[in-house]
Amino acid sequence: MTGTLAPTQPLTAADRCDRCGAPAYVRVLLNSGGELLFCAHHMRKHDDSLRKIASDIQDETHKLTESAKGSEER
């Protein structure tokens, strides 16, 4: 489940984790039709439970390592 069911927009800086308000890197589309946004930490914490109720998961956590690599090159 990684963004294959329905086209979704990339997550932006305005998208915030529904649990803590940190930047969201994961969008979970629910079987019920809703969606939840999570930071990488809360997605890891609730991964097993969310996968049971998700129709799709858009995971952009790779942006965290890309961002870190870019700052190291400066």
PDB file of N, CA and C in Angstrom:
ATOM      1  N   MET A   1       0.822  -1.180   0.000  1.00  0.00           N
ATOM      2  CA  MET A   1       0.000   0.000   0.000  1.00  0.00           C
ATOM      3  C   MET A   1       0.865   1.242   0.000  1.00  0.00           C
ATOM      4  N   THR A   2       1.155   1.773  -1.149  1.00  0.00           N
ATOM      5  CA  THR A   2       1.990   2.968  -1.221  1.00  0.00           C
ATOM      6  C   THR A   2       1.547   3.868  -2.355  1.00  0.00           C
ATOM      7  N   GLY A   3       0.407   4.488  -2.227  1.00  0.00           N
ATOM      8  CA  GLY A   3      -0.034   5.462  -3.208  1.00  0.00           C
ATOM      9  C   GLY A   3      -0.493   4.890  -4.525  1.00  0.00           C
ATOM     10  N   THR A   4      -0.990   3.663  -4.571  1.00  0.00           N
ATOM     11  CA  THR A   4      -1.324   3.051  -5.844  1.00  0.00           C
ATOM     12  C   THR A   4      -2.814   3.084  -6.178  1.00  0.00           C
ATOM     13  N   LEU A   5      -3.696   3.263  -5.201  1.00  0.00           N
ATOM     14  CA  LEU A   5      -5.132   3.204  -5.477  1.00  0.00           C
ATOM     15  C   LEU A   5      -5.666   4.467  -6.133  1.00  0.00           C
ATOM     16  N   ALA A   6      -5.413   5.583  -5.539  1.00  0.00           N
ATOM     17  CA  ALA A   6      -5.926   6.841  -6.055  1.00  0.00           C
ATOM     18  C   ALA A   6      -4.783   7.842  -6.095  1.00  0.00           C
ATOM     19  N   PRO A   7      -4.740   8.668  -7.151  1.00  0.00           N
ATOM     20  CA  PRO A   7      -3.674   9.667  -7.189  1.00  0.00           C
ATOM     21  C   PRO A   7      -3.846  10.641  -6.020  1.00  0.00           C
ATOM     22  N   THR A   8      -2.789  10.896  -5.321  1.00  0.00           N
ATOM     23  CA  THR A   8      -2.838  11.834  -4.207  1.00  0.00           C
ATOM     24  C   THR A   8      -1.786  12.909  -4.422  1.00  0.00           C
ATOM     25  N   GLN A   9      -2.035  14.058  -3.850  1.00  0.00           N
ATOM     26  CA  GLN A   9      -1.089  15.158  -3.944  1.00  0.00           C
ATOM     27  C   GLN A   9       0.066  14.912  -2.979  1.00  0.00           C
ATOM     28  N   PRO A  10       1.254  15.373  -3.336  1.00  0.00           N
ATOM     29  CA  PRO A  10       2.367  15.255  -2.389  1.00  0.00           C
ATOM     30  C   PRO A  10       2.046  16.020  -1.102  1.00  0.00           C
ATOM     31  N   LEU A  11       2.561  15.544  -0.014  1.00  0.00           N
ATOM     32  CA  LEU A  11       2.389  16.246   1.253  1.00  0.00           C
ATOM     33  C   LEU A  11       3.223  17.522   1.242  1.00  0.00           C
ATOM     34  N   THR A  12       2.713  18.562   1.892  1.00  0.00           N
ATOM     35  CA  THR A  12       3.411  19.848   1.917  1.00  0.00           C
ATOM     36  C   THR A  12       3.736  20.232   3.355  1.00  0.00           C
ATOM     37  N   ALA A  13       4.432  21.328   3.522  1.00  0.00           N
ATOM     38  CA  ALA A  13       4.771  21.825   4.859  1.00  0.00           C
ATOM     39  C   ALA A  13       3.522  22.197   5.651  1.00  0.00           C
ATOM     40  N   ALA A  14       2.435  22.466   4.974  1.00  0.00           N
ATOM     41  CA  ALA A  14       1.180  22.813   5.657  1.00  0.00           C
ATOM     42  C   ALA A  14       0.483  21.580   6.233  1.00  0.00           C
ATOM     43  N   ASP A  15       0.834  20.379   5.769  1.00  0.00           N
ATOM     44  CA  ASP A  15       0.230  19.143   6.276  1.00  0.00           C
ATOM     45  C   ASP A  15       0.883  18.773   7.599  1.00  0.00           C
ATOM     46  N   ARG A  16       0.056  18.598   8.632  1.00  0.00           N
ATOM     47  CA  ARG A  16       0.562  18.356   9.971  1.00  0.00           C
ATOM     48  C   ARG A  16       0.042  17.032  10.517  1.00  0.00           C
ATOM     49  N   CYS A  17       0.822  16.411  11.365  1.00  0.00           N
ATOM     50  CA  CYS A  17       0.461  15.146  12.017  1.00  0.00           C
ATOM     51  C   CYS A  17      -0.809  15.347  12.843  1.00  0.00           C
ATOM     52  N   ASP A  18      -1.780  14.467  12.643  1.00  0.00           N
ATOM     53  CA  ASP A  18      -3.025  14.543  13.403  1.00  0.00           C
ATOM     54  C   ASP A  18      -2.824  14.209  14.876  1.00  0.00           C
ATOM     55  N   ARG A  19      -1.729  13.617  15.224  1.00  0.00           N
ATOM     56  CA  ARG A  19      -1.475  13.216  16.613  1.00  0.00           C
ATOM     57  C   ARG A  19      -0.743  14.299  17.396  1.00  0.00           C
ATOM     58  N   CYS A  20       0.298  14.921  16.772  1.00  0.00           N
ATOM     59  CA  CYS A  20       1.131  15.853  17.543  1.00  0.00           C
ATOM     60  C   CYS A  20       1.354  17.215  16.881  1.00  0.00           C
ATOM     61  N   GLY A  21       0.967  17.372  15.631  1.00  0.00           N
ATOM     62  CA  GLY A  21       1.140  18.652  14.958  1.00  0.00           C
ATOM     63  C   GLY A  21       2.478  18.841  14.262  1.00  0.00           C
ATOM     64  N   ALA A  22       3.350  17.851  14.314  1.00  0.00           N
ATOM     65  CA  ALA A  22       4.627  17.922  13.595  1.00  0.00           C
ATOM     66  C   ALA A  22       4.367  17.799  12.096  1.00  0.00           C
ATOM     67  N   PRO A  23       5.348  18.122  11.259  1.00  0.00           N
ATOM     68  CA  PRO A  23       5.151  17.939   9.817  1.00  0.00           C
ATOM     69  C   PRO A  23       4.764  16.503   9.489  1.00  0.00           C
ATOM     70  N   ALA A  24       3.780  16.349   8.613  1.00  0.00           N
ATOM     71  CA  ALA A  24       3.291  15.022   8.223  1.00  0.00           C
ATOM     72  C   ALA A  24       4.102  14.493   7.048  1.00  0.00           C
ATOM     73  N   TYR A  25       4.486  13.240   7.132  1.00  0.00           N
ATOM     74  CA  TYR A  25       5.196  12.564   6.052  1.00  0.00           C
ATOM     75  C   TYR A  25       4.450  11.330   5.564  1.00  0.00           C
ATOM     76  N   VAL A  26       3.297  11.034   6.180  1.00  0.00           N
ATOM     77  CA  VAL A  26       2.518   9.860   5.804  1.00  0.00           C
ATOM     78  C   VAL A  26       1.035  10.233   5.771  1.00  0.00           C
ATOM     79  N   ARG A  27       0.363   9.865   4.674  1.00  0.00           N
ATOM     80  CA  ARG A  27      -1.087  10.019   4.560  1.00  0.00           C
ATOM     81  C   ARG A  27      -1.687   8.621   4.542  1.00  0.00           C
ATOM     82  N   VAL A  28      -2.644   8.366   5.434  1.00  0.00           N
ATOM     83  CA  VAL A  28      -3.312   7.075   5.514  1.00  0.00           C
ATOM     84  C   VAL A  28      -4.742   7.272   5.038  1.00  0.00           C
ATOM     85  N   LEU A  29      -5.105   6.617   3.931  1.00  0.00           N
ATOM     86  CA  LEU A  29      -6.479   6.644   3.450  1.00  0.00           C
ATOM     87  C   LEU A  29      -7.205   5.468   4.079  1.00  0.00           C
ATOM     88  N   LEU A  30      -8.289   5.776   4.762  1.00  0.00           N
ATOM     89  CA  LEU A  30      -9.008   4.760   5.516  1.00  0.00           C
ATOM     90  C   LEU A  30     -10.047   4.042   4.672  1.00  0.00           C
ATOM     91  N   ASN A  31     -10.323   2.793   5.014  1.00  0.00           N
ATOM     92  CA  ASN A  31     -11.376   2.037   4.334  1.00  0.00           C
ATOM     93  C   ASN A  31     -12.711   2.761   4.412  1.00  0.00           C
ATOM     94  N   SER A  32     -12.924   3.524   5.470  1.00  0.00           N
ATOM     95  CA  SER A  32     -14.181   4.251   5.667  1.00  0.00           C
ATOM     96  C   SER A  32     -14.287   5.496   4.795  1.00  0.00           C
ATOM     97  N   GLY A  33     -13.198   5.866   4.114  1.00  0.00           N
ATOM     98  CA  GLY A  33     -13.213   7.010   3.224  1.00  0.00           C
ATOM     99  C   GLY A  33     -12.491   8.224   3.756  1.00  0.00           C
ATOM    100  N   GLY A  34     -12.128   8.258   5.010  1.00  0.00           N
ATOM    101  CA  GLY A  34     -11.411   9.395   5.579  1.00  0.00           C
ATOM    102  C   GLY A  34      -9.917   9.269   5.355  1.00  0.00           C
ATOM    103  N   GLU A  35      -9.202  10.226   5.890  1.00  0.00           N
ATOM    104  CA  GLU A  35      -7.746  10.167   5.830  1.00  0.00           C
ATOM    105  C   GLU A  35      -7.161  10.693   7.123  1.00  0.00           C
ATOM    106  N   LEU A  36      -5.973  10.206   7.446  1.00  0.00           N
ATOM    107  CA  LEU A  36      -5.220  10.661   8.598  1.00  0.00           C
ATOM    108  C   LEU A  36      -3.810  10.998   8.138  1.00  0.00           C
ATOM    109  N   LEU A  37      -3.208  12.001   8.777  1.00  0.00           N
ATOM    110  CA  LEU A  37      -1.837  12.391   8.485  1.00  0.00           C
ATOM    111  C   LEU A  37      -0.983  12.136   9.715  1.00  0.00           C
ATOM    112  N   PHE A  38       0.237  11.623   9.483  1.00  0.00           N
ATOM    113  CA  PHE A  38       1.123  11.315  10.599  1.00  0.00           C
ATOM    114  C   PHE A  38       2.555  11.722  10.305  1.00  0.00           C
ATOM    115  N   CYS A  39       3.263  12.104  11.370  1.00  0.00           N
ATOM    116  CA  CYS A  39       4.707  12.257  11.283  1.00  0.00           C
ATOM    117  C   CYS A  39       5.305  10.849  11.229  1.00  0.00           C
ATOM    118  N   ALA A  40       6.581  10.749  10.938  1.00  0.00           N
ATOM    119  CA  ALA A  40       7.219   9.432  10.841  1.00  0.00           C
ATOM    120  C   ALA A  40       7.162   8.691  12.173  1.00  0.00           C
ATOM    121  N   HIS A  41       7.361   9.409  13.264  1.00  0.00           N
ATOM    122  CA  HIS A  41       7.346   8.778  14.592  1.00  0.00           C
ATOM    123  C   HIS A  41       6.000   8.127  14.888  1.00  0.00           C
ATOM    124  N   HIS A  42       4.918   8.853  14.700  1.00  0.00           N
ATOM    125  CA  HIS A  42       3.605   8.299  15.034  1.00  0.00           C
ATOM    126  C   HIS A  42       3.159   7.233  14.034  1.00  0.00           C
ATOM    127  N   MET A  43       3.616   7.308  12.800  1.00  0.00           N
ATOM    128  CA  MET A  43       3.308   6.232  11.859  1.00  0.00           C
ATOM    129  C   MET A  43       3.986   4.940  12.308  1.00  0.00           C
ATOM    130  N   ARG A  44       5.253   5.038  12.709  1.00  0.00           N
ATOM    131  CA  ARG A  44       5.948   3.839  13.199  1.00  0.00           C
ATOM    132  C   ARG A  44       5.250   3.289  14.441  1.00  0.00           C
ATOM    133  N   LYS A  45       4.831   4.175  15.324  1.00  0.00           N
ATOM    134  CA  LYS A  45       4.202   3.751  16.569  1.00  0.00           C
ATOM    135  C   LYS A  45       2.880   3.026  16.332  1.00  0.00           C
ATOM    136  N   HIS A  46       2.101   3.464  15.344  1.00  0.00           N
ATOM    137  CA  HIS A  46       0.761   2.912  15.112  1.00  0.00           C
ATOM    138  C   HIS A  46       0.649   2.114  13.814  1.00  0.00           C
ATOM    139  N   ASP A  47       1.766   1.785  13.207  1.00  0.00           N
ATOM    140  CA  ASP A  47       1.799   1.140  11.895  1.00  0.00           C
ATOM    141  C   ASP A  47       0.904  -0.100  11.804  1.00  0.00           C
ATOM    142  N   ASP A  48       1.048  -1.033  12.706  1.00  0.00           N
ATOM    143  CA  ASP A  48       0.280  -2.292  12.633  1.00  0.00           C
ATOM    144  C   ASP A  48      -1.226  -2.035  12.682  1.00  0.00           C
ATOM    145  N   SER A  49      -1.659  -1.182  13.588  1.00  0.00           N
ATOM    146  CA  SER A  49      -3.095  -0.882  13.726  1.00  0.00           C
ATOM    147  C   SER A  49      -3.627  -0.168  12.496  1.00  0.00           C
ATOM    148  N   LEU A  50      -2.848   0.779  11.970  1.00  0.00           N
ATOM    149  CA  LEU A  50      -3.312   1.548  10.815  1.00  0.00           C
ATOM    150  C   LEU A  50      -3.422   0.681   9.565  1.00  0.00           C
ATOM    151  N   ARG A  51      -2.501  -0.221   9.376  1.00  0.00           N
ATOM    152  CA  ARG A  51      -2.547  -1.079   8.186  1.00  0.00           C
ATOM    153  C   ARG A  51      -3.810  -1.946   8.150  1.00  0.00           C
ATOM    154  N   LYS A  52      -4.375  -2.237   9.313  1.00  0.00           N
ATOM    155  CA  LYS A  52      -5.605  -3.036   9.370  1.00  0.00           C
ATOM    156  C   LYS A  52      -6.828  -2.267   8.880  1.00  0.00           C
ATOM    157  N   ILE A  53      -6.790  -0.932   8.946  1.00  0.00           N
ATOM    158  CA  ILE A  53      -7.960  -0.124   8.583  1.00  0.00           C
ATOM    159  C   ILE A  53      -7.706   0.771   7.374  1.00  0.00           C
ATOM    160  N   ALA A  54      -6.537   0.636   6.737  1.00  0.00           N
ATOM    161  CA  ALA A  54      -6.158   1.509   5.626  1.00  0.00           C
ATOM    162  C   ALA A  54      -6.478   0.877   4.277  1.00  0.00           C
ATOM    163  N   SER A  55      -6.966   1.708   3.362  1.00  0.00           N
ATOM    164  CA  SER A  55      -7.114   1.264   1.984  1.00  0.00           C
ATOM    165  C   SER A  55      -5.852   1.595   1.190  1.00  0.00           C
ATOM    166  N   ASP A  56      -5.092   2.597   1.664  1.00  0.00           N
ATOM    167  CA  ASP A  56      -3.853   2.996   0.995  1.00  0.00           C
ATOM    168  C   ASP A  56      -3.013   3.814   1.962  1.00  0.00           C
ATOM    169  N   ILE A  57      -1.697   3.765   1.787  1.00  0.00           N
ATOM    170  CA  ILE A  57      -0.787   4.555   2.599  1.00  0.00           C
ATOM    171  C   ILE A  57       0.198   5.250   1.676  1.00  0.00           C
ATOM    172  N   GLN A  58       0.244   6.562   1.772  1.00  0.00           N
ATOM    173  CA  GLN A  58       1.189   7.375   1.004  1.00  0.00           C
ATOM    174  C   GLN A  58       2.336   7.726   1.947  1.00  0.00           C
ATOM    175  N   ASP A  59       3.473   7.094   1.755  1.00  0.00           N
ATOM    176  CA  ASP A  59       4.612   7.252   2.653  1.00  0.00           C
ATOM    177  C   ASP A  59       5.687   8.107   1.983  1.00  0.00           C
ATOM    178  N   GLU A  60       5.940   9.281   2.534  1.00  0.00           N
ATOM    179  CA  GLU A  60       6.965  10.179   2.013  1.00  0.00           C
ATOM    180  C   GLU A  60       8.098  10.379   3.020  1.00  0.00           C
ATOM    181  N   THR A  61       8.306   9.402   3.882  1.00  0.00           N
ATOM    182  CA  THR A  61       9.351   9.530   4.894  1.00  0.00           C
ATOM    183  C   THR A  61      10.752   9.579   4.278  1.00  0.00           C
ATOM    184  N   HIS A  62      10.877   9.163   3.026  1.00  0.00           N
ATOM    185  CA  HIS A  62      12.177   9.258   2.352  1.00  0.00           C
ATOM    186  C   HIS A  62      12.655  10.714   2.283  1.00  0.00           C
ATOM    187  N   LYS A  63      11.727  11.662   2.352  1.00  0.00           N
ATOM    188  CA  LYS A  63      12.099  13.084   2.319  1.00  0.00           C
ATOM    189  C   LYS A  63      12.934  13.469   3.531  1.00  0.00           C
ATOM    190  N   LEU A  64      12.780  12.746   4.621  1.00  0.00           N
ATOM    191  CA  LEU A  64      13.562  13.038   5.819  1.00  0.00           C
ATOM    192  C   LEU A  64      15.041  12.781   5.583  1.00  0.00           C
ATOM    193  N   THR A  65      15.375  11.682   4.945  1.00  0.00           N
ATOM    194  CA  THR A  65      16.785  11.368   4.695  1.00  0.00           C
ATOM    195  C   THR A  65      17.338  12.209   3.553  1.00  0.00           C
ATOM    196  N   GLU A  66      16.502  12.538   2.562  1.00  0.00           N
ATOM    197  CA  GLU A  66      16.951  13.410   1.476  1.00  0.00           C
ATOM    198  C   GLU A  66      17.288  14.787   2.015  1.00  0.00           C
ATOM    199  N   SER A  67      16.476  15.279   2.931  1.00  0.00           N
ATOM    200  CA  SER A  67      16.694  16.583   3.540  1.00  0.00           C
ATOM    201  C   SER A  67      17.985  16.592   4.350  1.00  0.00           C
ATOM    202  N   ALA A  68      18.231  15.542   5.105  1.00  0.00           N
ATOM    203  CA  ALA A  68      19.436  15.447   5.921  1.00  0.00           C
ATOM    204  C   ALA A  68      20.682  15.379   5.025  1.00  0.00           C
ATOM    205  N   LYS A  69      20.620  14.645   3.932  1.00  0.00           N
ATOM    206  CA  LYS A  69      21.758  14.541   3.029  1.00  0.00           C
ATOM    207  C   LYS A  69      22.058  15.891   2.396  1.00  0.00           C
ATOM    208  N   GLY A  70      21.019  16.646   2.032  1.00  0.00           N
ATOM    209  CA  GLY A  70      21.215  17.949   1.425  1.00  0.00           C
ATOM    210  C   GLY A  70      21.893  18.931   2.358  1.00  0.00           C
ATOM    211  N   SER A  71      21.587  18.892   3.644  1.00  0.00           N
ATOM    212  CA  SER A  71      22.196  19.810   4.601  1.00  0.00           C
ATOM    213  C   SER A  71      23.642  19.420   4.893  1.00  0.00           C
ATOM    214  N   GLU A  72      23.995  18.148   4.752  1.00  0.00           N
ATOM    215  CA  GLU A  72      25.373  17.705   4.982  1.00  0.00           C
ATOM    216  C   GLU A  72      26.290  18.180   3.879  1.00  0.00           C
ATOM    217  N   GLU A  73      25.755  18.375   2.666  1.00  0.00           N
ATOM    218  CA  GLU A  73      26.582  18.755   1.530  1.00  0.00           C
ATOM    219  C   GLU A  73      26.960  20.230   1.548  1.00  0.00           C
ATOM    220  N   ARG A  74      26.300  21.006   2.386  1.00  0.00           N
ATOM    221  CA  ARG A  74      26.577  22.459   2.424  1.00  0.00           C
ATOM    222  C   ARG A  74      27.825  22.771   3.171  1.00  0.00           C
TER     223      ARG A  74
END
